[in-house]
Amino acid sequence: MNQSVPSAVPASTATGRTNDPARTMANILEVAIAEFAEKGLAGARIDEIAAATQTSKRMIYYYFESKEGLYLAALEESYRRMREIESEQHLDDLEPEAALRRLVEFTFDHHASHEDYIRLVISENMNRGQFLAQSKSIQQLNVPAISAIHRLYERGVAGGIFRPGLDPIDIHASISALTFFNVSNRHTFGLIFKRDLSAPEVKAQRRASIVDMVLRFVRA
C-alpha cells in the first residue's frame, strides 16, 4: 500500500496537526511500527497509537483507511528504511570482497539494532505474508538490494575472486538467515545454551563468524 499524503484533512478530524500531514503520518508510522512489533496485528490497538501520537482514531483511518492498512504501511516503511540505509553503503565503490564484507556487517548491525524490524517480519510470516502480498511497492523496494549483490558478485567472478554459478538471491537469503537468527532467536537460544547473544563480546564474535562464513561461501 503506497500512502499518499492528502492535500487537506477535515478540521473536525484533527487534533492540532492539520498543517503538517506528512509529519503527522510519519509520527503515526513510528509509533505503529513499535506497537505492531510488540503486539502483532491482532494485539495492537489503534486507540493506543492515537493516544501516543496525540491524534485521533478518525485521523488514522483517514490516512491509512484501516488497522490493516496501517499495519501494511508500517511493514513497508520498515523495509524502506532498511533499504535506504543499505543504499548508503556505496558498495559499487569498493572491491568485490570488501563490498560483500561491508554488506554482511551492515546487515548484522542493522538487525541487531532494529529488533522492531525483526519482530514485524516474524509477525508477517505468522500471517503467511497475506498483508505484504497486497503491497504495491514491496518488490520494487527490494530490487536494489538484489541488484547490488548481483553487481558486486559479477565483479568478483570477473576478477577471479568469487566462484561462478551462484544466485544473488541465494546469497541474499544466506546473509539474511544468519543475521536474522541472531536477533529473532536470541532469547530462546540464549536460555538454552546460557549465552547472551546481546553481550558486546558475543555479538562481535558472531558478527565476525558470519562475515567469514559468507566470504568463504562465495570465494573461488
N, C-alpha and C. Protein backbone atom coordinates (compact mmCIF):
# COMPACT_ATOMS: atom_id res chain seq x y z
N MET A 1 0.84 -1.18 0.00
CA MET A 1 0.00 0.00 0.00
C MET A 1 0.88 1.23 0.00
N ASN A 2 0.79 2.08 -1.01
CA ASN A 2 1.51 3.33 -1.05
C ASN A 2 0.60 4.42 -0.56
N GLN A 3 0.98 5.03 0.55
CA GLN A 3 0.13 6.05 1.13
C GLN A 3 0.55 7.40 0.61
N SER A 4 -0.36 8.12 -0.05
CA SER A 4 -0.10 9.48 -0.48
C SER A 4 -0.70 10.43 0.54
N VAL A 5 0.00 11.53 0.80
CA VAL A 5 -0.46 12.46 1.81
C VAL A 5 -1.62 13.26 1.26
N PRO A 6 -2.77 13.28 1.93
CA PRO A 6 -3.90 14.06 1.48
C PRO A 6 -3.57 15.54 1.48
N SER A 7 -4.20 16.28 0.58
CA SER A 7 -3.93 17.71 0.50
C SER A 7 -4.48 18.46 1.68
N ALA A 8 -5.52 17.91 2.29
CA ALA A 8 -6.08 18.55 3.47
C ALA A 8 -6.82 17.52 4.30
N VAL A 9 -6.88 17.75 5.58
CA VAL A 9 -7.61 16.88 6.49
C VAL A 9 -8.78 17.68 7.04
N PRO A 10 -9.98 17.12 7.03
CA PRO A 10 -11.11 17.85 7.59
C PRO A 10 -10.81 18.33 8.99
N ALA A 11 -11.14 19.58 9.27
CA ALA A 11 -10.82 20.17 10.57
C ALA A 11 -11.40 19.37 11.72
N SER A 12 -12.55 18.74 11.51
CA SER A 12 -13.21 18.01 12.59
C SER A 12 -12.47 16.74 12.97
N THR A 13 -11.55 16.25 12.09
CA THR A 13 -10.83 15.01 12.38
C THR A 13 -9.51 15.27 13.07
N ALA A 14 -9.06 16.50 13.07
CA ALA A 14 -7.71 16.78 13.52
C ALA A 14 -7.65 17.11 15.00
N THR A 15 -6.45 16.99 15.54
CA THR A 15 -6.24 17.39 16.92
C THR A 15 -5.05 18.35 16.99
N GLY A 16 -4.98 19.25 16.01
CA GLY A 16 -3.97 20.28 16.04
C GLY A 16 -2.79 20.06 15.12
N ARG A 17 -2.83 19.06 14.21
CA ARG A 17 -1.69 18.80 13.35
C ARG A 17 -2.05 18.89 11.87
N THR A 18 -3.13 19.55 11.54
CA THR A 18 -3.58 19.58 10.16
C THR A 18 -2.64 20.35 9.25
N ASN A 19 -1.75 21.20 9.80
CA ASN A 19 -0.86 21.98 8.97
C ASN A 19 0.34 21.19 8.48
N ASP A 20 0.57 20.01 9.00
CA ASP A 20 1.72 19.21 8.61
C ASP A 20 1.33 17.74 8.52
N PRO A 21 0.53 17.37 7.51
CA PRO A 21 0.06 15.98 7.41
C PRO A 21 1.19 14.98 7.22
N ALA A 22 2.26 15.37 6.50
CA ALA A 22 3.36 14.43 6.28
C ALA A 22 4.03 14.08 7.61
N ARG A 23 4.22 15.09 8.45
CA ARG A 23 4.83 14.86 9.76
C ARG A 23 3.92 14.02 10.64
N THR A 24 2.63 14.28 10.55
CA THR A 24 1.67 13.51 11.34
C THR A 24 1.69 12.03 10.93
N MET A 25 1.69 11.78 9.61
CA MET A 25 1.74 10.41 9.13
C MET A 25 3.02 9.71 9.56
N ALA A 26 4.15 10.44 9.49
CA ALA A 26 5.43 9.85 9.88
C ALA A 26 5.43 9.50 11.37
N ASN A 27 4.84 10.36 12.18
CA ASN A 27 4.77 10.11 13.61
C ASN A 27 3.87 8.91 13.92
N ILE A 28 2.75 8.83 13.21
CA ILE A 28 1.85 7.68 13.38
C ILE A 28 2.57 6.39 13.01
N LEU A 29 3.31 6.40 11.91
CA LEU A 29 4.02 5.21 11.47
C LEU A 29 5.09 4.81 12.48
N GLU A 30 5.79 5.78 13.04
CA GLU A 30 6.84 5.49 14.01
C GLU A 30 6.27 4.73 15.21
N VAL A 31 5.15 5.22 15.72
CA VAL A 31 4.52 4.59 16.88
C VAL A 31 3.90 3.25 16.47
N ALA A 32 3.31 3.20 15.28
CA ALA A 32 2.66 1.97 14.81
C ALA A 32 3.67 0.84 14.64
N ILE A 33 4.85 1.16 14.14
CA ILE A 33 5.88 0.13 13.97
C ILE A 33 6.20 -0.52 15.31
N ALA A 34 6.38 0.30 16.33
CA ALA A 34 6.68 -0.24 17.66
C ALA A 34 5.51 -1.03 18.22
N GLU A 35 4.29 -0.54 18.01
CA GLU A 35 3.09 -1.20 18.54
C GLU A 35 2.87 -2.56 17.86
N PHE A 36 2.97 -2.60 16.54
CA PHE A 36 2.77 -3.86 15.82
C PHE A 36 3.92 -4.83 16.08
N ALA A 37 5.13 -4.30 16.22
CA ALA A 37 6.27 -5.17 16.50
C ALA A 37 6.13 -5.84 17.86
N GLU A 38 5.60 -5.11 18.82
CA GLU A 38 5.47 -5.62 20.18
C GLU A 38 4.28 -6.56 20.33
N LYS A 39 3.16 -6.25 19.65
CA LYS A 39 1.92 -6.97 19.92
C LYS A 39 1.35 -7.71 18.71
N GLY A 40 1.94 -7.52 17.54
CA GLY A 40 1.38 -8.15 16.36
C GLY A 40 0.13 -7.42 15.89
N LEU A 41 -0.36 -7.82 14.74
CA LEU A 41 -1.54 -7.18 14.19
C LEU A 41 -2.75 -7.36 15.09
N ALA A 42 -2.96 -8.56 15.59
CA ALA A 42 -4.15 -8.84 16.39
C ALA A 42 -4.13 -8.10 17.73
N GLY A 43 -2.96 -8.00 18.33
CA GLY A 43 -2.88 -7.41 19.67
C GLY A 43 -2.75 -5.90 19.70
N ALA A 44 -2.30 -5.31 18.60
CA ALA A 44 -2.11 -3.86 18.57
C ALA A 44 -3.45 -3.15 18.65
N ARG A 45 -3.44 -1.95 19.23
CA ARG A 45 -4.66 -1.19 19.42
C ARG A 45 -4.51 0.21 18.81
N ILE A 46 -5.45 0.54 17.93
CA ILE A 46 -5.44 1.86 17.30
C ILE A 46 -5.61 2.96 18.36
N ASP A 47 -6.41 2.68 19.39
CA ASP A 47 -6.60 3.65 20.47
C ASP A 47 -5.26 4.05 21.09
N GLU A 48 -4.41 3.07 21.32
CA GLU A 48 -3.12 3.34 21.94
C GLU A 48 -2.21 4.12 21.00
N ILE A 49 -2.25 3.79 19.72
CA ILE A 49 -1.45 4.52 18.74
C ILE A 49 -1.92 5.97 18.64
N ALA A 50 -3.22 6.17 18.65
CA ALA A 50 -3.78 7.52 18.60
C ALA A 50 -3.37 8.32 19.83
N ALA A 51 -3.44 7.71 20.99
CA ALA A 51 -3.08 8.40 22.22
C ALA A 51 -1.60 8.77 22.23
N ALA A 52 -0.76 7.85 21.79
CA ALA A 52 0.68 8.09 21.81
C ALA A 52 1.11 9.16 20.81
N THR A 53 0.33 9.33 19.75
CA THR A 53 0.67 10.32 18.72
C THR A 53 -0.15 11.60 18.84
N GLN A 54 -1.01 11.66 19.87
CA GLN A 54 -1.87 12.83 20.10
C GLN A 54 -2.71 13.15 18.86
N THR A 55 -3.18 12.08 18.24
CA THR A 55 -4.11 12.23 17.11
C THR A 55 -5.41 11.54 17.51
N SER A 56 -6.23 11.23 16.53
CA SER A 56 -7.49 10.54 16.79
C SER A 56 -7.57 9.30 15.92
N LYS A 57 -8.41 8.36 16.33
CA LYS A 57 -8.63 7.18 15.51
C LYS A 57 -9.14 7.58 14.14
N ARG A 58 -9.99 8.59 14.13
CA ARG A 58 -10.58 9.03 12.86
C ARG A 58 -9.50 9.54 11.91
N MET A 59 -8.51 10.28 12.45
CA MET A 59 -7.43 10.77 11.61
C MET A 59 -6.59 9.61 11.07
N ILE A 60 -6.29 8.64 11.94
CA ILE A 60 -5.51 7.48 11.49
C ILE A 60 -6.24 6.74 10.37
N TYR A 61 -7.53 6.57 10.53
CA TYR A 61 -8.30 5.90 9.48
C TYR A 61 -8.38 6.75 8.22
N TYR A 62 -8.35 8.07 8.38
CA TYR A 62 -8.37 8.96 7.21
C TYR A 62 -7.11 8.74 6.37
N TYR A 63 -5.98 8.64 7.05
CA TYR A 63 -4.71 8.47 6.35
C TYR A 63 -4.49 7.04 5.86
N PHE A 64 -4.84 6.06 6.68
CA PHE A 64 -4.46 4.67 6.39
C PHE A 64 -5.63 3.73 6.14
N GLU A 65 -6.85 4.23 6.22
CA GLU A 65 -8.09 3.52 5.87
C GLU A 65 -8.54 2.50 6.90
N SER A 66 -7.61 1.76 7.48
CA SER A 66 -8.00 0.70 8.42
C SER A 66 -6.79 0.31 9.26
N LYS A 67 -7.02 -0.50 10.27
CA LYS A 67 -5.92 -1.04 11.07
C LYS A 67 -4.97 -1.86 10.20
N GLU A 68 -5.55 -2.65 9.31
CA GLU A 68 -4.74 -3.47 8.41
C GLU A 68 -3.92 -2.59 7.45
N GLY A 69 -4.54 -1.48 7.02
CA GLY A 69 -3.82 -0.56 6.15
C GLY A 69 -2.64 0.08 6.85
N LEU A 70 -2.80 0.41 8.12
CA LEU A 70 -1.71 0.97 8.90
C LEU A 70 -0.62 -0.07 9.13
N TYR A 71 -1.03 -1.30 9.38
CA TYR A 71 -0.07 -2.39 9.58
C TYR A 71 0.78 -2.59 8.32
N LEU A 72 0.14 -2.59 7.16
CA LEU A 72 0.87 -2.76 5.91
C LEU A 72 1.82 -1.59 5.67
N ALA A 73 1.35 -0.38 5.96
CA ALA A 73 2.20 0.80 5.80
C ALA A 73 3.41 0.72 6.74
N ALA A 74 3.21 0.19 7.95
CA ALA A 74 4.32 0.03 8.89
C ALA A 74 5.33 -0.99 8.36
N LEU A 75 4.85 -2.06 7.78
CA LEU A 75 5.74 -3.06 7.17
C LEU A 75 6.56 -2.43 6.04
N GLU A 76 5.88 -1.74 5.15
CA GLU A 76 6.55 -1.12 4.01
C GLU A 76 7.59 -0.10 4.48
N GLU A 77 7.23 0.69 5.47
CA GLU A 77 8.15 1.71 5.97
C GLU A 77 9.39 1.07 6.60
N SER A 78 9.21 -0.05 7.29
CA SER A 78 10.34 -0.74 7.89
C SER A 78 11.31 -1.25 6.82
N TYR A 79 10.78 -1.83 5.77
CA TYR A 79 11.62 -2.28 4.67
C TYR A 79 12.28 -1.09 3.97
N ARG A 80 11.51 -0.02 3.76
CA ARG A 80 12.04 1.16 3.06
C ARG A 80 13.22 1.73 3.82
N ARG A 81 13.10 1.83 5.13
CA ARG A 81 14.18 2.40 5.94
C ARG A 81 15.45 1.57 5.82
N MET A 82 15.29 0.24 5.88
CA MET A 82 16.47 -0.61 5.78
C MET A 82 17.14 -0.45 4.42
N ARG A 83 16.35 -0.47 3.35
CA ARG A 83 16.93 -0.37 2.01
C ARG A 83 17.56 1.00 1.78
N GLU A 84 17.00 2.02 2.40
CA GLU A 84 17.56 3.37 2.26
C GLU A 84 18.95 3.44 2.89
N ILE A 85 19.07 2.90 4.10
CA ILE A 85 20.38 2.89 4.77
C ILE A 85 21.35 1.99 4.01
N GLU A 86 20.83 0.87 3.52
CA GLU A 86 21.67 -0.07 2.78
C GLU A 86 22.26 0.59 1.53
N SER A 87 21.46 1.43 0.88
CA SER A 87 21.93 2.10 -0.34
C SER A 87 23.04 3.10 -0.07
N GLU A 88 23.20 3.49 1.19
CA GLU A 88 24.23 4.46 1.57
C GLU A 88 25.59 3.80 1.83
N GLN A 89 25.68 2.48 1.63
CA GLN A 89 26.93 1.77 1.89
C GLN A 89 27.93 1.90 0.75
N HIS A 90 27.48 2.40 -0.42
CA HIS A 90 28.36 2.64 -1.58
C HIS A 90 29.18 1.41 -1.94
N LEU A 91 28.48 0.30 -2.10
CA LEU A 91 29.15 -0.96 -2.39
C LEU A 91 29.87 -0.95 -3.73
N ASP A 92 29.36 -0.19 -4.69
CA ASP A 92 29.98 -0.14 -6.01
C ASP A 92 31.35 0.52 -5.98
N ASP A 93 31.63 1.26 -4.92
CA ASP A 93 32.91 1.95 -4.81
C ASP A 93 34.00 1.09 -4.19
N LEU A 94 33.63 -0.10 -3.73
CA LEU A 94 34.58 -0.98 -3.05
C LEU A 94 34.96 -2.18 -3.92
N GLU A 95 36.11 -2.76 -3.61
CA GLU A 95 36.48 -4.02 -4.26
C GLU A 95 35.44 -5.08 -3.87
N PRO A 96 35.20 -6.08 -4.73
CA PRO A 96 34.11 -7.04 -4.50
C PRO A 96 34.09 -7.67 -3.11
N GLU A 97 35.23 -8.15 -2.64
CA GLU A 97 35.22 -8.80 -1.33
C GLU A 97 34.97 -7.80 -0.21
N ALA A 98 35.54 -6.62 -0.34
CA ALA A 98 35.32 -5.58 0.67
C ALA A 98 33.85 -5.14 0.66
N ALA A 99 33.25 -5.10 -0.54
CA ALA A 99 31.84 -4.72 -0.65
C ALA A 99 30.94 -5.76 0.01
N LEU A 100 31.25 -7.03 -0.22
CA LEU A 100 30.45 -8.10 0.39
C LEU A 100 30.62 -8.08 1.90
N ARG A 101 31.83 -7.87 2.36
CA ARG A 101 32.08 -7.78 3.80
C ARG A 101 31.27 -6.65 4.42
N ARG A 102 31.29 -5.49 3.77
CA ARG A 102 30.54 -4.36 4.31
C ARG A 102 29.05 -4.65 4.34
N LEU A 103 28.53 -5.31 3.29
CA LEU A 103 27.11 -5.62 3.24
C LEU A 103 26.71 -6.55 4.38
N VAL A 104 27.51 -7.57 4.63
CA VAL A 104 27.19 -8.51 5.71
C VAL A 104 27.27 -7.80 7.06
N GLU A 105 28.29 -7.01 7.26
CA GLU A 105 28.44 -6.29 8.52
C GLU A 105 27.29 -5.31 8.73
N PHE A 106 26.91 -4.60 7.66
CA PHE A 106 25.78 -3.68 7.76
C PHE A 106 24.51 -4.42 8.14
N THR A 107 24.24 -5.55 7.47
CA THR A 107 23.01 -6.29 7.73
C THR A 107 22.98 -6.80 9.16
N PHE A 108 24.10 -7.30 9.64
CA PHE A 108 24.19 -7.77 11.02
C PHE A 108 23.91 -6.61 11.99
N ASP A 109 24.57 -5.49 11.76
CA ASP A 109 24.43 -4.34 12.66
C ASP A 109 23.01 -3.77 12.62
N HIS A 110 22.44 -3.71 11.43
CA HIS A 110 21.07 -3.20 11.31
C HIS A 110 20.11 -4.07 12.09
N HIS A 111 20.17 -5.36 11.88
CA HIS A 111 19.25 -6.26 12.57
C HIS A 111 19.44 -6.21 14.08
N ALA A 112 20.69 -6.14 14.51
CA ALA A 112 20.98 -6.13 15.95
C ALA A 112 20.42 -4.88 16.62
N SER A 113 20.34 -3.78 15.89
CA SER A 113 19.88 -2.52 16.47
C SER A 113 18.45 -2.16 16.09
N HIS A 114 17.78 -3.02 15.34
CA HIS A 114 16.40 -2.76 14.93
C HIS A 114 15.54 -3.99 15.18
N GLU A 115 15.36 -4.31 16.45
CA GLU A 115 14.58 -5.50 16.78
C GLU A 115 13.13 -5.37 16.32
N ASP A 116 12.60 -4.15 16.28
CA ASP A 116 11.23 -3.95 15.80
C ASP A 116 11.07 -4.46 14.37
N TYR A 117 12.08 -4.24 13.54
CA TYR A 117 12.04 -4.73 12.16
C TYR A 117 11.95 -6.25 12.14
N ILE A 118 12.78 -6.89 12.94
CA ILE A 118 12.78 -8.35 13.00
C ILE A 118 11.42 -8.87 13.47
N ARG A 119 10.88 -8.26 14.51
CA ARG A 119 9.61 -8.71 15.07
C ARG A 119 8.47 -8.51 14.07
N LEU A 120 8.52 -7.41 13.30
CA LEU A 120 7.49 -7.19 12.28
C LEU A 120 7.56 -8.24 11.19
N VAL A 121 8.75 -8.58 10.76
CA VAL A 121 8.90 -9.60 9.73
C VAL A 121 8.41 -10.96 10.24
N ILE A 122 8.73 -11.26 11.49
CA ILE A 122 8.23 -12.50 12.09
C ILE A 122 6.71 -12.49 12.13
N SER A 123 6.14 -11.37 12.54
CA SER A 123 4.69 -11.24 12.62
C SER A 123 4.03 -11.48 11.27
N GLU A 124 4.62 -10.90 10.22
CA GLU A 124 4.02 -11.07 8.90
C GLU A 124 4.21 -12.48 8.37
N ASN A 125 5.28 -13.14 8.76
CA ASN A 125 5.43 -14.55 8.38
C ASN A 125 4.40 -15.41 9.09
N MET A 126 4.05 -15.05 10.33
CA MET A 126 2.99 -15.77 11.03
C MET A 126 1.65 -15.54 10.33
N ASN A 127 1.52 -14.40 9.66
CA ASN A 127 0.33 -14.13 8.85
C ASN A 127 0.44 -14.73 7.45
N ARG A 128 1.51 -15.49 7.24
CA ARG A 128 1.79 -16.14 5.94
C ARG A 128 1.91 -15.13 4.80
N GLY A 129 2.36 -13.92 5.15
CA GLY A 129 2.61 -12.91 4.12
C GLY A 129 1.38 -12.34 3.46
N GLN A 130 0.20 -12.58 4.04
CA GLN A 130 -1.04 -12.18 3.35
C GLN A 130 -1.19 -10.68 3.20
N PHE A 131 -0.64 -9.90 4.12
CA PHE A 131 -0.78 -8.45 4.01
C PHE A 131 0.31 -7.87 3.11
N LEU A 132 1.52 -8.38 3.23
CA LEU A 132 2.59 -7.91 2.36
C LEU A 132 2.29 -8.24 0.90
N ALA A 133 1.52 -9.29 0.67
CA ALA A 133 1.14 -9.66 -0.70
C ALA A 133 0.27 -8.59 -1.35
N GLN A 134 -0.34 -7.75 -0.52
CA GLN A 134 -1.19 -6.68 -1.04
C GLN A 134 -0.41 -5.42 -1.37
N SER A 135 0.87 -5.40 -1.00
CA SER A 135 1.69 -4.21 -1.22
C SER A 135 1.98 -3.99 -2.70
N LYS A 136 1.90 -2.75 -3.12
CA LYS A 136 2.22 -2.38 -4.49
C LYS A 136 3.66 -1.92 -4.64
N SER A 137 4.38 -1.86 -3.53
CA SER A 137 5.74 -1.31 -3.60
C SER A 137 6.81 -2.24 -3.06
N ILE A 138 6.44 -3.30 -2.35
CA ILE A 138 7.44 -4.07 -1.62
C ILE A 138 8.48 -4.72 -2.53
N GLN A 139 8.06 -5.24 -3.67
CA GLN A 139 9.03 -5.87 -4.55
C GLN A 139 10.00 -4.85 -5.12
N GLN A 140 9.47 -3.69 -5.51
CA GLN A 140 10.33 -2.65 -6.05
C GLN A 140 11.29 -2.11 -5.00
N LEU A 141 10.85 -2.08 -3.75
CA LEU A 141 11.71 -1.63 -2.66
C LEU A 141 12.93 -2.52 -2.51
N ASN A 142 12.76 -3.81 -2.80
CA ASN A 142 13.84 -4.77 -2.57
C ASN A 142 14.68 -5.08 -3.80
N VAL A 143 14.28 -4.55 -4.95
CA VAL A 143 15.08 -4.76 -6.16
C VAL A 143 16.51 -4.24 -6.00
N PRO A 144 16.72 -3.02 -5.46
CA PRO A 144 18.09 -2.52 -5.32
C PRO A 144 19.00 -3.43 -4.50
N ALA A 145 18.45 -4.10 -3.49
CA ALA A 145 19.27 -4.98 -2.65
C ALA A 145 19.85 -6.13 -3.46
N ILE A 146 19.01 -6.75 -4.28
CA ILE A 146 19.48 -7.87 -5.10
C ILE A 146 20.39 -7.38 -6.21
N SER A 147 20.07 -6.21 -6.78
CA SER A 147 20.91 -5.65 -7.84
C SER A 147 22.31 -5.35 -7.33
N ALA A 148 22.40 -4.84 -6.10
CA ALA A 148 23.71 -4.52 -5.53
C ALA A 148 24.55 -5.79 -5.35
N ILE A 149 23.91 -6.86 -4.86
CA ILE A 149 24.62 -8.13 -4.69
C ILE A 149 25.03 -8.69 -6.05
N HIS A 150 24.13 -8.59 -7.01
CA HIS A 150 24.42 -9.09 -8.36
C HIS A 150 25.66 -8.39 -8.94
N ARG A 151 25.72 -7.07 -8.79
CA ARG A 151 26.83 -6.31 -9.36
C ARG A 151 28.15 -6.65 -8.68
N LEU A 152 28.16 -6.70 -7.34
CA LEU A 152 29.43 -6.98 -6.66
C LEU A 152 29.86 -8.43 -6.91
N TYR A 153 28.88 -9.32 -7.00
CA TYR A 153 29.20 -10.72 -7.25
C TYR A 153 29.79 -10.90 -8.65
N GLU A 154 29.17 -10.28 -9.65
CA GLU A 154 29.67 -10.39 -11.03
C GLU A 154 31.06 -9.79 -11.16
N ARG A 155 31.31 -8.70 -10.44
CA ARG A 155 32.65 -8.11 -10.46
C ARG A 155 33.66 -9.08 -9.84
N GLY A 156 33.22 -9.75 -8.77
CA GLY A 156 34.10 -10.71 -8.13
C GLY A 156 34.40 -11.91 -8.99
N VAL A 157 33.38 -12.38 -9.72
CA VAL A 157 33.57 -13.52 -10.63
C VAL A 157 34.50 -13.13 -11.77
N ALA A 158 34.27 -11.93 -12.32
CA ALA A 158 35.11 -11.46 -13.42
C ALA A 158 36.56 -11.31 -13.00
N GLY A 159 36.79 -10.97 -11.74
CA GLY A 159 38.14 -10.81 -11.24
C GLY A 159 38.76 -12.08 -10.69
N GLY A 160 38.02 -13.19 -10.78
CA GLY A 160 38.53 -14.46 -10.30
C GLY A 160 38.53 -14.60 -8.79
N ILE A 161 37.82 -13.70 -8.11
CA ILE A 161 37.77 -13.71 -6.64
C ILE A 161 36.66 -14.61 -6.13
N PHE A 162 35.51 -14.56 -6.81
CA PHE A 162 34.35 -15.35 -6.42
C PHE A 162 34.13 -16.49 -7.42
N ARG A 163 33.62 -17.58 -6.93
CA ARG A 163 33.35 -18.72 -7.81
C ARG A 163 32.06 -18.47 -8.59
N PRO A 164 31.99 -18.91 -9.82
CA PRO A 164 30.81 -18.70 -10.64
C PRO A 164 29.68 -19.65 -10.26
N GLY A 165 28.49 -19.35 -10.78
CA GLY A 165 27.35 -20.26 -10.63
C GLY A 165 26.46 -20.02 -9.44
N LEU A 166 26.72 -18.95 -8.67
CA LEU A 166 25.89 -18.67 -7.50
C LEU A 166 24.75 -17.71 -7.87
N ASP A 167 23.68 -17.81 -7.12
CA ASP A 167 22.49 -16.99 -7.35
C ASP A 167 22.49 -15.83 -6.36
N PRO A 168 22.44 -14.57 -6.84
CA PRO A 168 22.43 -13.42 -5.93
C PRO A 168 21.31 -13.47 -4.89
N ILE A 169 20.15 -14.00 -5.27
CA ILE A 169 19.05 -14.10 -4.31
C ILE A 169 19.40 -15.11 -3.22
N ASP A 170 20.10 -16.18 -3.59
CA ASP A 170 20.52 -17.18 -2.61
C ASP A 170 21.57 -16.59 -1.66
N ILE A 171 22.46 -15.78 -2.20
CA ILE A 171 23.45 -15.10 -1.35
C ILE A 171 22.74 -14.18 -0.37
N HIS A 172 21.77 -13.44 -0.87
CA HIS A 172 20.98 -12.55 -0.02
C HIS A 172 20.24 -13.34 1.07
N ALA A 173 19.68 -14.47 0.69
CA ALA A 173 18.95 -15.30 1.65
C ALA A 173 19.88 -15.82 2.75
N SER A 174 21.09 -16.20 2.38
CA SER A 174 22.04 -16.71 3.36
C SER A 174 22.46 -15.62 4.34
N ILE A 175 22.72 -14.43 3.82
CA ILE A 175 23.08 -13.31 4.69
C ILE A 175 21.93 -12.99 5.63
N SER A 176 20.72 -12.94 5.09
CA SER A 176 19.55 -12.63 5.89
C SER A 176 19.31 -13.68 6.97
N ALA A 177 19.43 -14.94 6.60
CA ALA A 177 19.18 -16.03 7.56
C ALA A 177 20.14 -15.96 8.73
N LEU A 178 21.41 -15.78 8.44
CA LEU A 178 22.42 -15.77 9.50
C LEU A 178 22.27 -14.57 10.43
N THR A 179 22.01 -13.41 9.86
CA THR A 179 21.91 -12.20 10.68
C THR A 179 20.56 -12.07 11.36
N PHE A 180 19.53 -12.59 10.75
CA PHE A 180 18.18 -12.54 11.31
C PHE A 180 18.08 -13.42 12.55
N PHE A 181 18.62 -14.62 12.45
CA PHE A 181 18.56 -15.58 13.56
C PHE A 181 19.17 -15.00 14.83
N ASN A 182 20.23 -14.25 14.66
CA ASN A 182 20.94 -13.72 15.82
C ASN A 182 20.06 -12.83 16.69
N VAL A 183 19.01 -12.25 16.07
CA VAL A 183 18.07 -11.41 16.81
C VAL A 183 16.78 -12.16 17.12
N SER A 184 16.25 -12.84 16.11
CA SER A 184 14.94 -13.50 16.28
C SER A 184 14.96 -14.59 17.33
N ASN A 185 16.10 -15.27 17.48
CA ASN A 185 16.19 -16.39 18.41
C ASN A 185 17.10 -16.12 19.60
N ARG A 186 17.43 -14.87 19.82
CA ARG A 186 18.41 -14.56 20.88
C ARG A 186 17.93 -14.99 22.26
N HIS A 187 16.63 -14.90 22.50
CA HIS A 187 16.14 -15.21 23.84
C HIS A 187 16.11 -16.73 24.09
N THR A 188 15.52 -17.47 23.15
CA THR A 188 15.45 -18.92 23.33
C THR A 188 16.84 -19.55 23.24
N PHE A 189 17.63 -19.14 22.27
CA PHE A 189 18.98 -19.67 22.11
C PHE A 189 19.82 -19.36 23.35
N GLY A 190 19.69 -18.12 23.82
CA GLY A 190 20.47 -17.71 24.98
C GLY A 190 20.10 -18.50 26.23
N LEU A 191 18.81 -18.76 26.41
CA LEU A 191 18.38 -19.53 27.57
C LEU A 191 18.84 -20.98 27.50
N ILE A 192 18.75 -21.57 26.32
CA ILE A 192 19.11 -22.98 26.17
C ILE A 192 20.62 -23.19 26.35
N PHE A 193 21.40 -22.30 25.74
CA PHE A 193 22.85 -22.51 25.75
C PHE A 193 23.59 -21.59 26.71
N LYS A 194 22.82 -20.85 27.52
CA LYS A 194 23.43 -19.97 28.53
C LYS A 194 24.45 -19.01 27.91
N ARG A 195 24.02 -18.40 26.81
CA ARG A 195 24.91 -17.44 26.14
C ARG A 195 24.09 -16.21 25.76
N ASP A 196 24.55 -15.05 26.21
CA ASP A 196 23.85 -13.80 25.95
C ASP A 196 24.29 -13.26 24.59
N LEU A 197 23.43 -13.43 23.56
CA LEU A 197 23.78 -13.00 22.21
C LEU A 197 23.85 -11.49 22.07
N SER A 198 23.34 -10.76 23.06
CA SER A 198 23.40 -9.30 23.00
C SER A 198 24.64 -8.73 23.69
N ALA A 199 25.41 -9.59 24.35
CA ALA A 199 26.64 -9.14 25.01
C ALA A 199 27.64 -8.69 23.95
N PRO A 200 28.31 -7.55 24.15
CA PRO A 200 29.21 -7.00 23.12
C PRO A 200 30.24 -7.98 22.59
N GLU A 201 30.87 -8.74 23.46
CA GLU A 201 31.90 -9.66 23.00
C GLU A 201 31.31 -10.83 22.20
N VAL A 202 30.13 -11.28 22.61
CA VAL A 202 29.46 -12.36 21.88
C VAL A 202 29.00 -11.86 20.51
N LYS A 203 28.43 -10.66 20.47
CA LYS A 203 28.00 -10.07 19.20
C LYS A 203 29.17 -9.90 18.24
N ALA A 204 30.29 -9.42 18.75
CA ALA A 204 31.46 -9.19 17.90
C ALA A 204 31.98 -10.51 17.32
N GLN A 205 32.00 -11.54 18.16
CA GLN A 205 32.47 -12.84 17.69
C GLN A 205 31.52 -13.43 16.66
N ARG A 206 30.22 -13.30 16.93
CA ARG A 206 29.22 -13.84 16.00
C ARG A 206 29.24 -13.08 14.67
N ARG A 207 29.39 -11.77 14.75
CA ARG A 207 29.48 -10.93 13.55
C ARG A 207 30.64 -11.36 12.67
N ALA A 208 31.80 -11.55 13.29
CA ALA A 208 32.99 -11.96 12.54
C ALA A 208 32.80 -13.36 11.93
N SER A 209 32.16 -14.25 12.66
CA SER A 209 31.93 -15.61 12.16
C SER A 209 31.02 -15.60 10.94
N ILE A 210 29.97 -14.78 11.00
CA ILE A 210 29.02 -14.72 9.87
C ILE A 210 29.69 -14.13 8.64
N VAL A 211 30.47 -13.08 8.83
CA VAL A 211 31.20 -12.50 7.70
C VAL A 211 32.12 -13.55 7.08
N ASP A 212 32.84 -14.28 7.91
CA ASP A 212 33.76 -15.29 7.44
C ASP A 212 33.03 -16.40 6.68
N MET A 213 31.88 -16.83 7.18
CA MET A 213 31.10 -17.90 6.53
C MET A 213 30.65 -17.48 5.13
N VAL A 214 30.13 -16.26 5.03
CA VAL A 214 29.64 -15.79 3.74
C VAL A 214 30.77 -15.62 2.74
N LEU A 215 31.88 -15.05 3.19
CA LEU A 215 33.03 -14.86 2.28
C LEU A 215 33.59 -16.20 1.83
N ARG A 216 33.71 -17.16 2.73
CA ARG A 216 34.19 -18.49 2.36
C ARG A 216 33.26 -19.16 1.35
N PHE A 217 31.97 -18.90 1.49
CA PHE A 217 30.97 -19.50 0.60
C PHE A 217 31.12 -19.02 -0.83
N VAL A 218 31.45 -17.74 -1.02
CA VAL A 218 31.49 -17.20 -2.39
C VAL A 218 32.89 -17.19 -3.00
N ARG A 219 33.91 -17.34 -2.20
CA ARG A 219 35.27 -17.27 -2.74
C ARG A 219 35.55 -18.39 -3.74
N ALA A 220 36.38 -18.06 -4.72
CA ALA A 220 36.79 -19.04 -5.74
C ALA A 220 37.74 -20.06 -5.12
